[in-house]
Amino acid sequence: MSKKLLIPILGDQLSHDLSSLQDQDPENTVLLMMEVAEETNYVRQHKAKIAYILSAMRHHAAALRERGWHVDYVKLNDPGNSGSFTGEIARATQRHNIDSIRVTEAGEWRIMEMIENWEDQFGLPVTICPDTRFVATHQDFEDWAEGKKQLRMEFFYREMRRKTKILLDEDAKPEGGKWNYDSENRKPAQRDLLMPQPIRFRSDNITKDVIDLVGAHFAGHPGSLDHFYFAVTHDEAMRQKRKFLDDALPQFGDYQDAMLTGEPFLWHSILSPYINSGLLDPLALCREVEQRYHDGDVPLNAAEGFIRQIIGWREYVRGIYWREGPDYAHRNFLSADRKLPDFYYTGKTDMHCMAQAIGQTLDMAYAHHIQRLMITGNFALIAGIDPHQVHQWYLEVYADAYEWVELPNTLGMSQFSDGGIIASKPYASSGNYINKMSDYCSECRFDVKQRTGPDACPFNALYWDFLDRNKDKLGDNNRLAMPYRTWDKMDENTQRDIRDSAATFLNHL
């Protein structure tokens, strides 16, 4: 009698070339896909994020069946659903008389801890396969980090370029003579440019059923379902990818840091939810971008900037997440403890930049990386918001947010809560940066040119107050030497006015 194998597939493992599926016989294998309450409720996830994941899972299950796999799919509202991965594994082993379990490693600590206990819990052999959808293995990152005083992404990124041979010339040197063209990618956008628009996909019956389910079961969660536009199949994700490569990538580099009122997408790819859930292969995408450069369709700064986000930054934060361990989530280097303001969940604030970034986030479960880092993240940092509440918010509201990628980006890069493991300095700024890179300030009731007073842009006083109150921890940071010199040159009355303006604003937050 043949042995029966169970392969659980998690919601971010929607790839046909998943490592656990390789070289397995569909005849004697059951694929288990589970919608469970503990995953939809462990934080109050955006309604559209839940709907995207569940719809993509259901469509992926159908695609797997078409390929000849036996898929046992447990829906959220199925009778008997235990509400947990472990509970559903237990039910499936009994239902199918399973002899062994094979699974691709999870992306998050808490789920890996569950998986590592399954063998003892069920008395069955459990094979945990590495996730081969990443360029760097866990050991690769450990080997690179070993003995280094600073773990800067730039140098890890160069190793990933060498490993993949992407954008290297025939002498294994970087194309164009430089590894990084970020200095060319900081142009503000003008509204008279022709804006590319991503495809907004129509919901089929599967997606409509999921949207109804989410609306009924998660009414108290943040966000809206009214603007659900996501691709939910591999084919749709590929269409969105081609749309980006054809229409937006050529100018992505120039304008990737730009922001405009009422334009949530600009030249961004909108592909991160599909990459992080498995519908798109990140390395294959990078090779396509490279080919567009070699074909003369895309300038080098655009190709390199996009590739750096994927095989550089994305791989790097995963490495940090697993290397630092579960303790990373609890770090708070700056001892920030202010409550997250309610407007992060309503979008109702007179700060036009915040209203824009939060509003589109609540509408679409999307904001691009500069809106996250230099608007909502920057504000939380200089206002002294509890970084753990900030982390939870980012994890809840973005469709591409899984803890392995979101946590280092939030606690490390955005909030400097790891004390400088990721960022060499806090990403704090006054309103001047926002004014330079966007048109937000021109439509704001606050005056970006004023530093203090009731009509002054709150970012201005908060920025200087942030530096002042954290001087004991940040004063020796070489990259902050210039702003600290500027602060020290201010007279006492000016410093007092800044502190008072910041305190007044924060007291009314």
Protein backbone atom coordinates (compact mmCIF):
# COMPACT_ATOMS: atom_id res chain seq x y z
CA MET A 1 0.00 0.00 0.00
CA SER A 2 1.38 3.43 -0.98
CA LYS A 3 2.35 5.92 1.68
CA LYS A 4 0.13 9.00 1.86
CA LEU A 5 1.88 12.39 2.01
CA LEU A 6 0.33 15.66 3.24
CA ILE A 7 1.75 18.94 1.92
CA PRO A 8 0.33 22.03 3.64
CA ILE A 9 0.52 25.19 1.52
CA LEU A 10 0.39 28.50 3.37
CA GLY A 11 -1.19 31.73 2.12
CA ASP A 12 2.14 33.23 1.02
CA GLN A 13 3.26 30.06 -0.78
CA LEU A 14 1.14 30.38 -3.92
CA SER A 15 3.89 29.21 -6.28
CA HIS A 16 3.74 26.25 -8.64
CA ASP A 17 7.45 25.62 -8.15
CA LEU A 18 7.23 25.57 -4.35
CA SER A 19 10.05 23.46 -2.91
CA SER A 20 7.72 21.08 -1.04
CA LEU A 21 6.02 20.13 -4.33
CA GLN A 22 9.18 19.28 -6.22
CA ASP A 23 9.53 15.63 -7.33
CA GLN A 24 6.38 14.55 -5.51
CA ASP A 25 3.81 12.12 -6.89
CA PRO A 26 0.34 13.72 -7.12
CA GLU A 27 -1.19 10.24 -6.96
CA ASN A 28 -0.19 9.73 -3.33
CA THR A 29 -0.18 13.35 -2.15
CA VAL A 30 -2.80 15.59 -0.57
CA LEU A 31 -2.24 19.34 -0.69
CA LEU A 32 -3.85 21.10 2.25
CA MET A 33 -4.79 24.77 2.02
CA MET A 34 -6.39 26.41 5.04
CA GLU A 35 -8.22 29.64 5.76
CA VAL A 36 -7.93 29.92 9.54
CA ALA A 37 -9.12 32.49 12.06
CA GLU A 38 -5.78 32.76 13.86
CA GLU A 39 -4.20 34.16 10.68
CA THR A 40 -6.95 36.61 9.81
CA ASN A 41 -7.28 37.85 13.41
CA TYR A 42 -3.79 37.80 14.96
CA VAL A 43 -3.76 41.50 14.06
CA ARG A 44 -6.72 43.50 12.74
CA GLN A 45 -5.76 43.11 9.11
CA HIS A 46 -7.10 45.43 6.40
CA LYS A 47 -10.26 44.03 4.86
CA ALA A 48 -8.78 44.23 1.35
CA LYS A 49 -5.61 42.43 2.51
CA ILE A 50 -7.66 39.52 3.86
CA ALA A 51 -9.78 39.47 0.70
CA TYR A 52 -6.68 39.46 -1.52
CA ILE A 53 -5.03 36.57 0.30
CA LEU A 54 -8.17 34.42 0.49
CA SER A 55 -9.13 35.03 -3.14
CA ALA A 56 -5.57 34.34 -4.34
CA MET A 57 -5.53 31.13 -2.27
CA ARG A 58 -8.82 29.91 -3.72
CA HIS A 59 -7.72 30.67 -7.27
CA HIS A 60 -4.38 28.94 -6.65
CA ALA A 61 -6.15 25.86 -5.34
CA ALA A 62 -8.16 25.71 -8.59
CA ALA A 63 -4.97 26.04 -10.63
CA LEU A 64 -3.30 23.25 -8.66
CA ARG A 65 -6.27 20.97 -9.28
CA GLU A 66 -6.02 21.69 -13.00
CA ARG A 67 -2.42 20.49 -12.81
CA GLY A 68 -3.54 17.18 -11.36
CA TRP A 69 -3.04 17.72 -7.65
CA HIS A 70 -5.54 16.60 -5.02
CA VAL A 71 -6.24 19.76 -3.02
CA ASP A 72 -8.11 19.63 0.28
CA TYR A 73 -9.26 23.22 0.78
CA VAL A 74 -10.70 24.37 4.11
CA LYS A 75 -12.66 27.62 3.93
CA LEU A 76 -12.93 30.05 6.80
CA ASN A 77 -16.61 29.36 7.42
CA ASP A 78 -16.54 25.59 6.82
CA PRO A 79 -18.22 23.58 9.59
CA GLY A 80 -15.61 22.08 11.89
CA ASN A 81 -12.84 24.52 10.93
CA SER A 82 -10.59 24.53 14.00
CA GLY A 83 -9.32 28.05 13.35
CA SER A 84 -5.62 27.15 13.46
CA PHE A 85 -2.99 25.64 11.19
CA THR A 86 -2.13 22.95 13.71
CA GLY A 87 -5.77 22.09 14.27
CA GLU A 88 -6.34 21.71 10.53
CA ILE A 89 -3.23 19.56 10.14
CA ALA A 90 -4.58 17.29 12.88
CA ARG A 91 -7.96 16.99 11.14
CA ALA A 92 -6.39 16.39 7.72
CA THR A 93 -4.06 13.61 8.96
CA GLN A 94 -7.12 11.74 10.24
CA ARG A 95 -9.28 12.53 7.23
CA HIS A 96 -6.73 11.23 4.71
CA ASN A 97 -4.90 8.60 6.77
CA ILE A 98 -1.61 10.48 6.34
CA ASP A 99 1.79 8.79 6.83
CA SER A 100 4.09 11.83 6.59
CA ILE A 101 4.09 15.60 6.19
CA ARG A 102 6.23 17.74 3.90
CA VAL A 103 6.15 21.55 4.04
CA THR A 104 8.10 24.55 2.78
CA GLU A 105 9.49 26.58 5.67
CA ALA A 106 7.30 29.43 6.84
CA GLY A 107 8.34 33.04 6.48
CA GLU A 108 7.60 34.01 10.09
CA TRP A 109 8.92 32.88 13.47
CA ARG A 110 5.55 32.11 15.06
CA ILE A 111 4.47 29.83 12.22
CA MET A 112 7.85 28.09 12.04
CA GLU A 113 7.54 27.36 15.75
CA MET A 114 4.21 25.63 15.05
CA ILE A 115 5.69 23.62 12.18
CA GLU A 116 8.69 22.51 14.21
CA ASN A 117 6.33 21.02 16.82
CA TRP A 118 4.22 19.02 14.36
CA GLU A 119 6.40 15.92 14.38
CA ASP A 120 6.04 15.48 18.14
CA GLN A 121 2.39 16.47 18.15
CA PHE A 122 1.26 14.11 15.42
CA GLY A 123 3.83 11.32 15.71
CA LEU A 124 4.52 11.57 11.98
CA PRO A 125 7.76 12.39 10.13
CA VAL A 126 7.81 16.05 9.02
CA THR A 127 10.17 17.25 6.29
CA ILE A 128 10.74 21.02 6.28
CA CYS A 129 12.02 22.20 2.89
CA PRO A 130 13.95 25.45 2.42
CA ASP A 131 12.14 28.25 0.61
CA THR A 132 13.99 28.31 -2.69
CA ARG A 133 12.15 31.40 -3.92
CA PHE A 134 14.86 33.58 -2.36
CA VAL A 135 18.35 34.17 -3.75
CA ALA A 136 20.07 33.99 -0.34
CA THR A 137 19.68 31.05 1.99
CA HIS A 138 19.68 31.67 5.73
CA GLN A 139 23.23 30.35 5.79
CA ASP A 140 24.27 32.67 2.96
CA PHE A 141 23.20 35.65 5.03
CA GLU A 142 24.87 34.33 8.18
CA ASP A 143 28.10 33.79 6.26
CA TRP A 144 27.98 37.31 4.84
CA ALA A 145 27.17 38.89 8.24
CA GLU A 146 29.77 36.93 10.21
CA GLY A 147 32.32 39.21 11.85
CA LYS A 148 30.95 42.45 10.37
CA LYS A 149 30.49 45.45 12.66
CA GLN A 150 27.91 46.96 10.34
CA LEU A 151 25.39 45.04 8.26
CA ARG A 152 24.74 47.56 5.52
CA MET A 153 22.37 46.56 2.75
CA GLU A 154 24.53 48.09 0.01
CA PHE A 155 27.32 45.57 0.48
CA PHE A 156 24.96 42.61 0.79
CA TYR A 157 23.26 43.78 -2.40
CA ARG A 158 26.57 43.63 -4.25
CA GLU A 159 26.96 40.01 -3.17
CA MET A 160 23.49 39.23 -4.52
CA ARG A 161 24.42 40.87 -7.83
CA ARG A 162 27.56 38.74 -8.01
CA LYS A 163 25.65 35.57 -7.10
CA THR A 164 22.93 36.13 -9.72
CA LYS A 165 25.25 37.85 -12.25
CA ILE A 166 22.50 40.41 -12.83
CA LEU A 167 23.62 43.73 -14.31
CA LEU A 168 27.26 42.67 -14.46
CA ASP A 169 29.37 43.16 -17.55
CA GLU A 170 31.61 40.52 -19.12
CA ASP A 171 34.36 41.37 -16.61
CA ALA A 172 31.98 40.82 -13.67
CA LYS A 173 31.93 44.56 -13.03
CA PRO A 174 28.69 46.49 -12.44
CA GLU A 175 26.99 47.81 -15.57
CA GLY A 176 27.83 51.47 -16.09
CA GLY A 177 30.69 51.35 -13.61
CA LYS A 178 28.58 51.86 -10.46
CA TRP A 179 26.66 49.48 -8.22
CA ASN A 180 24.02 51.99 -7.20
CA TYR A 181 22.28 54.80 -9.12
CA ASP A 182 20.06 56.01 -6.28
CA SER A 183 21.42 59.55 -6.58
CA GLU A 184 19.67 59.78 -9.98
CA ASN A 185 16.35 58.55 -8.61
CA ARG A 186 15.15 61.52 -6.57
CA LYS A 187 13.28 63.74 -8.99
CA PRO A 188 9.97 65.33 -7.97
CA ALA A 189 7.18 64.55 -10.43
CA GLN A 190 5.28 67.15 -12.42
CA ARG A 191 1.57 66.80 -12.93
CA ASP A 192 1.78 67.45 -16.68
CA LEU A 193 3.59 64.16 -17.25
CA LEU A 194 1.54 61.28 -18.62
CA MET A 195 0.83 58.99 -15.70
CA PRO A 196 0.80 55.26 -16.33
CA GLN A 197 -2.00 53.44 -14.53
CA PRO A 198 -1.97 49.85 -13.30
CA ILE A 199 -4.65 47.40 -14.37
CA ARG A 200 -7.63 47.32 -12.02
CA PHE A 201 -8.94 43.79 -12.24
CA ARG A 202 -12.64 42.98 -12.15
CA SER A 203 -13.78 40.56 -9.47
CA ASP A 204 -14.96 37.15 -10.63
CA ASN A 205 -17.41 35.01 -8.67
CA ILE A 206 -14.69 33.59 -6.42
CA THR A 207 -13.49 37.07 -5.47
CA LYS A 208 -17.04 38.35 -5.02
CA ASP A 209 -17.77 35.50 -2.60
CA VAL A 210 -14.60 36.31 -0.66
CA ILE A 211 -15.44 40.02 -0.50
CA ASP A 212 -18.88 39.16 0.87
CA LEU A 213 -17.29 36.83 3.43
CA VAL A 214 -14.77 39.44 4.56
CA GLY A 215 -17.42 42.16 4.75
CA ALA A 216 -19.56 39.97 7.00
CA HIS A 217 -16.83 38.55 9.25
CA PHE A 218 -14.37 41.45 9.56
CA ALA A 219 -16.55 44.55 9.70
CA GLY A 220 -14.49 45.91 12.60
CA HIS A 221 -11.20 45.68 10.77
CA PRO A 222 -9.63 48.77 9.17
CA GLY A 223 -9.88 49.65 5.52
CA SER A 224 -12.36 49.47 2.69
CA LEU A 225 -13.39 46.81 0.19
CA ASP A 226 -14.77 49.39 -2.25
CA HIS A 227 -11.53 49.76 -4.20
CA PHE A 228 -10.50 46.10 -4.52
CA TYR A 229 -8.37 45.97 -7.66
CA PHE A 230 -5.85 43.19 -7.02
CA ALA A 231 -4.73 40.50 -9.40
CA VAL A 232 -5.65 37.20 -7.75
CA THR A 233 -4.20 34.65 -10.19
CA HIS A 234 -0.77 33.96 -11.63
CA ASP A 235 -1.99 35.03 -15.09
CA GLU A 236 -3.39 38.32 -13.79
CA ALA A 237 -0.18 39.03 -11.87
CA MET A 238 1.77 38.41 -15.08
CA ARG A 239 -0.46 40.89 -16.91
CA GLN A 240 0.20 43.51 -14.23
CA LYS A 241 3.90 42.79 -14.49
CA ARG A 242 3.91 43.34 -18.27
CA LYS A 243 1.93 46.54 -17.82
CA PHE A 244 4.58 47.85 -15.42
CA LEU A 245 7.51 46.81 -17.61
CA ASP A 246 5.98 48.38 -20.70
CA ASP A 247 4.54 51.61 -19.31
CA ALA A 248 6.08 52.54 -15.98
CA LEU A 249 9.54 51.00 -15.58
CA PRO A 250 11.33 53.36 -18.00
CA GLN A 251 10.63 56.30 -15.66
CA PHE A 252 10.43 54.38 -12.39
CA GLY A 253 14.00 55.30 -11.49
CA ASP A 254 13.61 59.03 -11.95
CA TYR A 255 10.38 59.34 -9.99
CA GLN A 256 10.41 56.50 -7.46
CA ASP A 257 10.65 58.97 -4.54
CA ALA A 258 8.03 61.40 -5.86
CA MET A 259 4.57 61.99 -4.40
CA LEU A 260 1.53 63.76 -5.88
CA THR A 261 -1.90 64.49 -4.44
CA GLY A 262 -4.49 62.05 -5.76
CA GLU A 263 -1.90 59.88 -7.54
CA PRO A 264 -1.29 56.79 -5.41
CA PHE A 265 0.65 54.76 -7.99
CA LEU A 266 2.78 57.07 -10.20
CA TRP A 267 5.48 54.86 -11.78
CA HIS A 268 5.52 52.15 -9.10
CA SER A 269 5.06 48.51 -10.01
CA ILE A 270 2.23 47.53 -7.59
CA LEU A 271 3.79 44.03 -7.74
CA SER A 272 4.96 43.52 -4.15
CA PRO A 273 1.75 41.72 -2.98
CA TYR A 274 2.17 39.22 -5.82
CA ILE A 275 5.88 38.70 -5.18
CA ASN A 276 5.42 38.24 -1.44
CA SER A 277 2.48 35.83 -1.77
CA GLY A 278 4.16 33.75 -4.47
CA LEU A 279 2.23 34.63 -7.63
CA LEU A 280 5.35 36.16 -9.20
CA ASP A 281 8.91 34.84 -9.18
CA PRO A 282 11.16 37.67 -7.93
CA LEU A 283 14.36 36.48 -9.59
CA ALA A 284 12.64 35.90 -12.93
CA LEU A 285 11.20 39.41 -12.67
CA CYS A 286 14.66 40.87 -12.08
CA ARG A 287 16.02 39.04 -15.11
CA GLU A 288 13.22 40.45 -17.25
CA VAL A 289 14.05 43.96 -16.03
CA GLU A 290 17.72 43.34 -16.84
CA GLN A 291 16.78 42.20 -20.33
CA ARG A 292 14.74 45.36 -20.89
CA TYR A 293 17.89 47.35 -20.05
CA HIS A 294 20.03 45.30 -22.45
CA ASP A 295 17.38 45.74 -25.17
CA GLY A 296 17.60 49.51 -24.76
CA ASP A 297 14.01 49.87 -23.51
CA VAL A 298 14.86 50.94 -19.96
CA PRO A 299 17.60 53.28 -18.63
CA LEU A 300 20.14 51.85 -16.22
CA ASN A 301 19.04 53.93 -13.23
CA ALA A 302 15.49 52.51 -13.53
CA ALA A 303 16.57 48.91 -14.01
CA GLU A 304 19.16 49.03 -11.23
CA GLY A 305 16.82 50.85 -8.83
CA PHE A 306 14.06 48.29 -9.27
CA ILE A 307 16.38 45.29 -9.07
CA ARG A 308 17.98 46.69 -5.90
CA GLN A 309 14.59 46.74 -4.19
CA ILE A 310 14.14 43.01 -4.83
CA ILE A 311 17.47 41.16 -4.74
CA GLY A 312 18.97 43.83 -2.52
CA TRP A 313 16.53 45.21 0.00
CA ARG A 314 13.93 42.40 0.06
CA GLU A 315 16.57 39.70 0.51
CA TYR A 316 18.43 41.80 3.06
CA VAL A 317 15.47 42.43 5.40
CA ARG A 318 14.61 38.73 5.32
CA GLY A 319 18.17 37.99 6.40
CA ILE A 320 17.97 40.52 9.24
CA TYR A 321 14.59 39.14 10.38
CA TRP A 322 15.85 35.58 10.77
CA ARG A 323 19.28 36.51 12.10
CA GLU A 324 18.04 38.83 14.83
CA GLY A 325 15.37 36.45 16.13
CA PRO A 326 12.02 36.99 17.88
CA ASP A 327 13.54 39.51 20.29
CA TYR A 328 13.83 41.96 17.40
CA ALA A 329 10.12 42.74 17.59
CA HIS A 330 10.46 44.08 21.13
CA ARG A 331 13.32 46.52 20.65
CA ASN A 332 12.81 50.22 21.33
CA PHE A 333 16.19 51.96 21.20
CA LEU A 334 14.71 55.46 21.49
CA SER A 335 12.26 54.50 24.28
CA ALA A 336 9.34 55.97 22.30
CA ASP A 337 6.04 55.40 24.09
CA ARG A 338 3.37 57.75 22.71
CA LYS A 339 0.10 56.12 21.62
CA LEU A 340 -0.50 55.77 17.88
CA PRO A 341 -2.93 58.57 16.93
CA ASP A 342 -6.44 57.59 15.92
CA PHE A 343 -6.03 59.28 12.53
CA TYR A 344 -3.83 56.37 11.41
CA TYR A 345 -7.11 54.42 11.29
CA THR A 346 -9.35 57.21 9.95
CA GLY A 347 -7.13 59.36 7.73
CA LYS A 348 -8.76 62.44 9.27
CA THR A 349 -6.02 64.98 9.91
CA ASP A 350 -5.24 68.51 8.74
CA MET A 351 -1.75 67.37 7.71
CA HIS A 352 -2.40 66.92 3.99
CA CYS A 353 0.56 64.59 3.42
CA MET A 354 -0.62 62.26 6.20
CA ALA A 355 -4.22 62.39 5.01
CA GLN A 356 -3.10 61.45 1.50
CA ALA A 357 -0.85 58.55 2.54
CA ILE A 358 -3.23 57.15 5.16
CA GLY A 359 -6.34 57.75 3.07
CA GLN A 360 -5.07 55.74 0.11
CA THR A 361 -3.80 53.08 2.51
CA LEU A 362 -7.25 52.64 4.02
CA ASP A 363 -8.86 52.69 0.56
CA MET A 364 -6.46 50.34 -1.23
CA ALA A 365 -4.17 48.61 1.31
CA TYR A 366 -1.34 50.28 -0.63
CA ALA A 367 1.13 53.15 -0.36
CA HIS A 368 4.54 53.29 -1.99
CA HIS A 369 7.79 53.08 -0.07
CA ILE A 370 8.47 56.81 0.29
CA GLN A 371 4.98 57.46 1.60
CA ARG A 372 5.56 54.72 4.17
CA LEU A 373 9.08 55.80 5.13
CA MET A 374 9.02 59.59 4.86
CA ILE A 375 5.37 60.43 5.59
CA THR A 376 3.65 58.00 7.97
CA GLY A 377 6.88 56.50 9.28
CA ASN A 378 8.71 59.82 9.60
CA PHE A 379 5.80 61.34 11.52
CA ALA A 380 5.64 58.39 13.94
CA LEU A 381 9.40 58.60 14.50
CA ILE A 382 9.65 62.32 15.23
CA ALA A 383 6.44 62.30 17.30
CA GLY A 384 7.84 59.52 19.50
CA ILE A 385 5.12 56.96 18.77
CA ASP A 386 5.51 53.51 20.35
CA PRO A 387 7.30 51.54 17.58
CA HIS A 388 5.44 48.35 18.42
CA GLN A 389 2.12 50.06 17.71
CA VAL A 390 3.60 51.44 14.49
CA HIS A 391 4.77 47.94 13.54
CA GLN A 392 1.32 46.51 14.17
CA TRP A 393 -0.30 49.21 12.02
CA TYR A 394 1.98 48.55 9.06
CA LEU A 395 1.43 44.81 9.41
CA GLU A 396 -2.32 45.32 9.45
CA VAL A 397 -2.90 47.77 6.64
CA TYR A 398 -0.67 46.79 3.71
CA ALA A 399 -1.49 43.93 1.35
CA ASP A 400 2.19 43.09 0.88
CA ALA A 401 2.98 43.08 4.62
CA TYR A 402 4.19 39.79 6.05
CA GLU A 403 6.12 40.08 9.27
CA TRP A 404 9.49 38.95 7.84
CA VAL A 405 9.51 41.89 5.41
CA GLU A 406 7.47 44.44 7.36
CA LEU A 407 9.10 44.21 10.79
CA PRO A 408 12.70 45.10 9.81
CA ASN A 409 11.39 47.81 7.50
CA THR A 410 9.31 49.35 10.29
CA LEU A 411 11.28 48.84 13.50
CA GLY A 412 14.69 49.02 11.87
CA MET A 413 14.55 51.29 8.84
CA SER A 414 11.61 53.55 9.71
CA GLN A 415 11.62 53.81 13.52
CA PHE A 416 15.34 53.22 14.29
CA SER A 417 14.25 50.95 17.12
CA ASP A 418 17.11 48.51 16.53
CA GLY A 419 19.65 51.23 17.27
CA GLY A 420 21.19 51.26 13.81
CA ILE A 421 21.45 47.65 12.66
CA ILE A 422 19.67 48.51 9.41
CA ALA A 423 19.83 52.30 9.07
CA SER A 424 22.97 54.32 9.62
CA LYS A 425 20.81 57.20 10.90
CA PRO A 426 17.13 57.77 11.70
CA TYR A 427 15.03 58.60 8.63
CA ALA A 428 13.72 61.80 10.20
CA SER A 429 13.02 64.99 8.31
CA SER A 430 11.22 68.28 8.58
CA GLY A 431 8.54 69.40 6.16
CA ASN A 432 11.21 70.59 3.74
CA TYR A 433 11.81 67.07 2.37
CA ILE A 434 8.09 66.52 1.85
CA ASN A 435 7.80 69.88 0.09
CA LYS A 436 10.73 69.04 -2.18
CA MET A 437 9.45 65.60 -3.22
CA SER A 438 5.71 66.26 -3.45
CA ASP A 439 2.95 68.79 -4.05
CA TYR A 440 1.36 67.92 -0.71
CA CYS A 441 2.42 71.11 1.08
CA SER A 442 0.75 73.39 -1.47
CA GLU A 443 -2.64 71.95 -0.51
CA CYS A 444 -2.09 71.82 3.25
CA ARG A 445 -3.59 74.17 5.80
CA PHE A 446 -0.21 74.25 7.58
CA ASP A 447 2.65 76.40 6.27
CA VAL A 448 5.77 74.38 5.50
CA LYS A 449 7.86 77.56 5.65
CA GLN A 450 6.95 78.22 9.28
CA ARG A 451 8.86 76.42 12.01
CA THR A 452 6.75 77.31 15.05
CA GLY A 453 3.27 78.51 15.89
CA PRO A 454 -0.26 77.18 15.30
CA ASP A 455 -0.02 77.44 11.51
CA ALA A 456 3.45 75.92 11.15
CA CYS A 457 3.96 72.52 9.55
CA PRO A 458 4.06 70.11 12.52
CA PHE A 459 6.94 68.19 10.94
CA ASN A 460 9.22 71.21 11.44
CA ALA A 461 9.12 71.64 15.21
CA LEU A 462 8.77 67.88 15.73
CA TYR A 463 11.95 67.23 13.75
CA TRP A 464 14.11 69.54 15.84
CA ASP A 465 12.42 68.44 19.04
CA PHE A 466 13.12 64.82 18.11
CA LEU A 467 16.82 65.57 17.72
CA ASP A 468 16.89 67.51 20.99
CA ARG A 469 15.15 64.94 23.15
CA ASN A 470 17.22 62.07 21.73
CA LYS A 471 20.57 63.82 21.80
CA ASP A 472 21.97 61.42 24.41
CA LYS A 473 21.46 58.50 22.01
CA LEU A 474 21.94 60.19 18.64
CA GLY A 475 24.37 63.01 19.34
CA ASP A 476 27.42 60.93 18.41
CA ASN A 477 25.95 59.80 15.07
CA ASN A 478 28.27 61.17 12.38
CA ARG A 479 25.46 61.47 9.85
CA LEU A 480 23.57 63.78 12.22
CA ALA A 481 26.52 66.04 12.97
CA MET A 482 25.31 68.84 10.68
CA PRO A 483 21.74 69.10 12.03
CA TYR A 484 23.03 68.97 15.59
CA ARG A 485 25.46 71.79 14.83
CA THR A 486 22.54 73.76 13.40
CA TRP A 487 20.49 73.08 16.54
CA ASP A 488 23.34 74.11 18.83
CA LYS A 489 23.73 77.41 16.96
CA MET A 490 20.10 78.37 17.58
CA ASP A 491 19.59 80.82 20.40
CA GLU A 492 17.79 79.72 23.56
CA ASN A 493 14.57 81.55 22.68
CA THR A 494 14.37 79.79 19.30
CA GLN A 495 15.02 76.41 20.88
CA ARG A 496 12.37 77.11 23.53
CA ASP A 497 9.82 78.11 20.88
CA ILE A 498 10.50 74.87 18.99
CA ARG A 499 10.11 72.76 22.12
CA ASP A 500 6.91 74.59 23.06
CA SER A 501 5.45 74.23 19.55
CA ALA A 502 6.23 70.52 19.51
CA ALA A 503 4.77 70.02 23.00
CA THR A 504 1.60 71.91 22.13
CA PHE A 505 1.05 69.82 19.02
CA LEU A 506 1.78 66.52 20.78
CA ASN A 507 -0.47 67.40 23.71
CA HIS A 508 -3.36 67.80 21.29
CA LEU A 509 -2.54 64.72 19.23
